[in-house]
Amino acid sequence: MTLIWLTVNGEYAQQLNSDLITAGYSITEIASTGDFLHYGSTIFLLCVETEKVKELIAYVKTKMQAYRHMANEEGSQSDFTLYSIPLNKFKKINGQPFSQTKTENQASQKTT
């Protein structure tokens, strides 16, 4: 499992949020404010299977290029930053674990 920390220029954040949800991703959004009449940045947190990280990165790049094209802007890569953080353990609060460590998997198999 991998945590994706995606910081997006505010003017594209709402559209990217909608597109990611439509594509089936679960997102936590953290917004920051900008100056008067300026957009701030928005941070999206996503957890994806490690095998799907490259797919997500390609999807975000494609969408951001399309947004810039619609706004008649040149291709600046400074309107988003993406960090990929590997996770050893991932659980949903009040839910079943999505991923367990090898030790937990072995322990649960021995008790069943």
Protein backbone atom coordinates (compact mmCIF):
# COMPACT_ATOMS: atom_id res chain seq x y z
CA MET A 1 0.00 0.00 0.00
CA THR A 2 1.25 3.48 -0.82
CA LEU A 3 0.18 6.89 0.47
CA ILE A 4 0.04 9.52 -2.25
CA TRP A 5 0.44 13.13 -1.09
CA LEU A 6 -0.66 15.28 -4.01
CA THR A 7 -0.41 19.09 -3.75
CA VAL A 8 -2.38 20.83 -6.50
CA ASN A 9 -2.66 24.46 -7.51
CA GLY A 10 -6.07 25.57 -6.25
CA GLU A 11 -7.48 26.55 -9.62
CA TYR A 12 -7.31 22.89 -10.77
CA ALA A 13 -8.13 21.22 -7.44
CA GLN A 14 -11.91 20.98 -7.72
CA GLN A 15 -11.79 19.57 -11.23
CA LEU A 16 -9.05 17.04 -10.34
CA ASN A 17 -10.96 16.01 -7.21
CA SER A 18 -14.06 15.30 -9.29
CA ASP A 19 -12.09 13.39 -11.92
CA LEU A 20 -10.25 11.24 -9.34
CA ILE A 21 -13.52 10.33 -7.61
CA THR A 22 -15.12 9.50 -10.97
CA ALA A 23 -12.12 7.26 -11.71
CA GLY A 24 -12.80 5.35 -8.48
CA TYR A 25 -10.20 6.79 -6.10
CA SER A 26 -11.00 7.62 -2.47
CA ILE A 27 -9.58 11.00 -1.50
CA THR A 28 -9.04 13.04 1.62
CA GLU A 29 -8.80 16.74 0.78
CA ILE A 30 -6.93 19.30 2.86
CA ALA A 31 -7.31 22.87 1.63
CA SER A 32 -5.13 25.87 2.32
CA THR A 33 -5.95 29.48 1.64
CA GLY A 34 -4.29 31.90 -0.70
CA ASP A 35 -4.05 35.67 -0.67
CA PHE A 36 -7.00 37.87 -1.59
CA LEU A 37 -8.37 36.79 -5.00
CA HIS A 38 -5.66 34.13 -5.31
CA TYR A 39 -6.08 30.40 -5.13
CA GLY A 40 -4.33 28.47 -2.42
CA SER A 41 -3.06 24.95 -2.78
CA THR A 42 -5.07 21.85 -2.07
CA ILE A 43 -3.58 18.66 -0.70
CA PHE A 44 -5.11 15.33 -1.66
CA LEU A 45 -4.24 12.20 0.31
CA LEU A 46 -4.89 8.89 -1.43
CA CYS A 47 -4.02 5.32 -0.53
CA VAL A 48 -3.49 3.02 -3.48
CA GLU A 49 -2.05 -0.42 -4.01
CA THR A 50 1.67 -0.16 -4.74
CA GLU A 51 1.18 -1.72 -8.19
CA LYS A 52 -1.23 1.08 -9.15
CA VAL A 53 1.00 4.05 -8.24
CA LYS A 54 2.41 4.48 -11.78
CA GLU A 55 -1.12 4.31 -13.19
CA LEU A 56 -2.28 7.05 -10.81
CA ILE A 57 0.73 9.27 -11.61
CA ALA A 58 0.07 8.91 -15.35
CA TYR A 59 -3.62 9.72 -14.80
CA VAL A 60 -2.81 12.89 -12.81
CA LYS A 61 -0.24 14.05 -15.40
CA THR A 62 -2.73 13.52 -18.24
CA LYS A 63 -5.51 15.39 -16.43
CA MET A 64 -3.27 18.31 -15.45
CA GLN A 65 -2.07 18.68 -19.06
CA ALA A 66 -5.69 18.71 -20.23
CA TYR A 67 -6.64 21.39 -17.68
CA ARG A 68 -3.74 23.59 -18.78
CA HIS A 69 -4.73 23.10 -22.42
CA MET A 70 -8.32 24.15 -21.67
CA ALA A 71 -6.98 27.28 -19.93
CA ASN A 72 -4.65 27.99 -22.90
CA GLU A 73 -1.58 27.81 -20.66
CA GLU A 74 1.87 26.50 -21.41
CA GLY A 75 2.88 23.19 -19.83
CA SER A 76 4.18 24.20 -16.42
CA GLN A 77 4.92 21.31 -14.08
CA SER A 78 4.80 23.59 -11.02
CA ASP A 79 1.02 23.38 -10.61
CA PHE A 80 1.19 20.01 -8.84
CA THR A 81 3.61 18.05 -6.69
CA LEU A 82 3.22 14.35 -5.96
CA TYR A 83 4.89 12.34 -3.18
CA SER A 84 4.68 8.56 -3.02
CA ILE A 85 5.12 7.20 0.53
CA PRO A 86 5.27 3.41 1.03
CA LEU A 87 3.21 2.11 3.96
CA ASN A 88 3.95 -0.96 6.05
CA LYS A 89 0.51 -1.00 7.61
CA PHE A 90 -2.79 0.60 6.65
CA LYS A 91 -6.08 0.42 8.56
CA LYS A 92 -9.38 2.25 8.34
CA ILE A 93 -10.69 3.45 11.66
CA ASN A 94 -13.87 1.51 12.55
CA GLY A 95 -13.26 -0.79 9.63
CA GLN A 96 -11.39 -3.85 8.51
CA PRO A 97 -7.69 -3.58 7.76
CA PHE A 98 -6.87 -3.02 4.10
CA SER A 99 -3.34 -4.25 4.54
CA GLN A 100 -1.56 -6.11 7.31
CA THR A 101 2.08 -6.60 8.09
CA LYS A 102 3.54 -10.05 7.42
CA THR A 103 3.76 -10.69 11.17
CA GLU A 104 0.04 -9.92 11.65
CA ASN A 105 -0.89 -12.15 8.70
CA GLN A 106 1.12 -15.04 10.14
CA ALA A 107 -0.36 -14.52 13.62
CA SER A 108 -3.96 -14.42 12.32
CA GLN A 109 -3.38 -17.59 10.26
CA LYS A 110 -2.06 -19.44 13.31
CA THR A 111 -5.12 -18.53 15.44
CA THR A 112 -7.67 -19.63 12.84
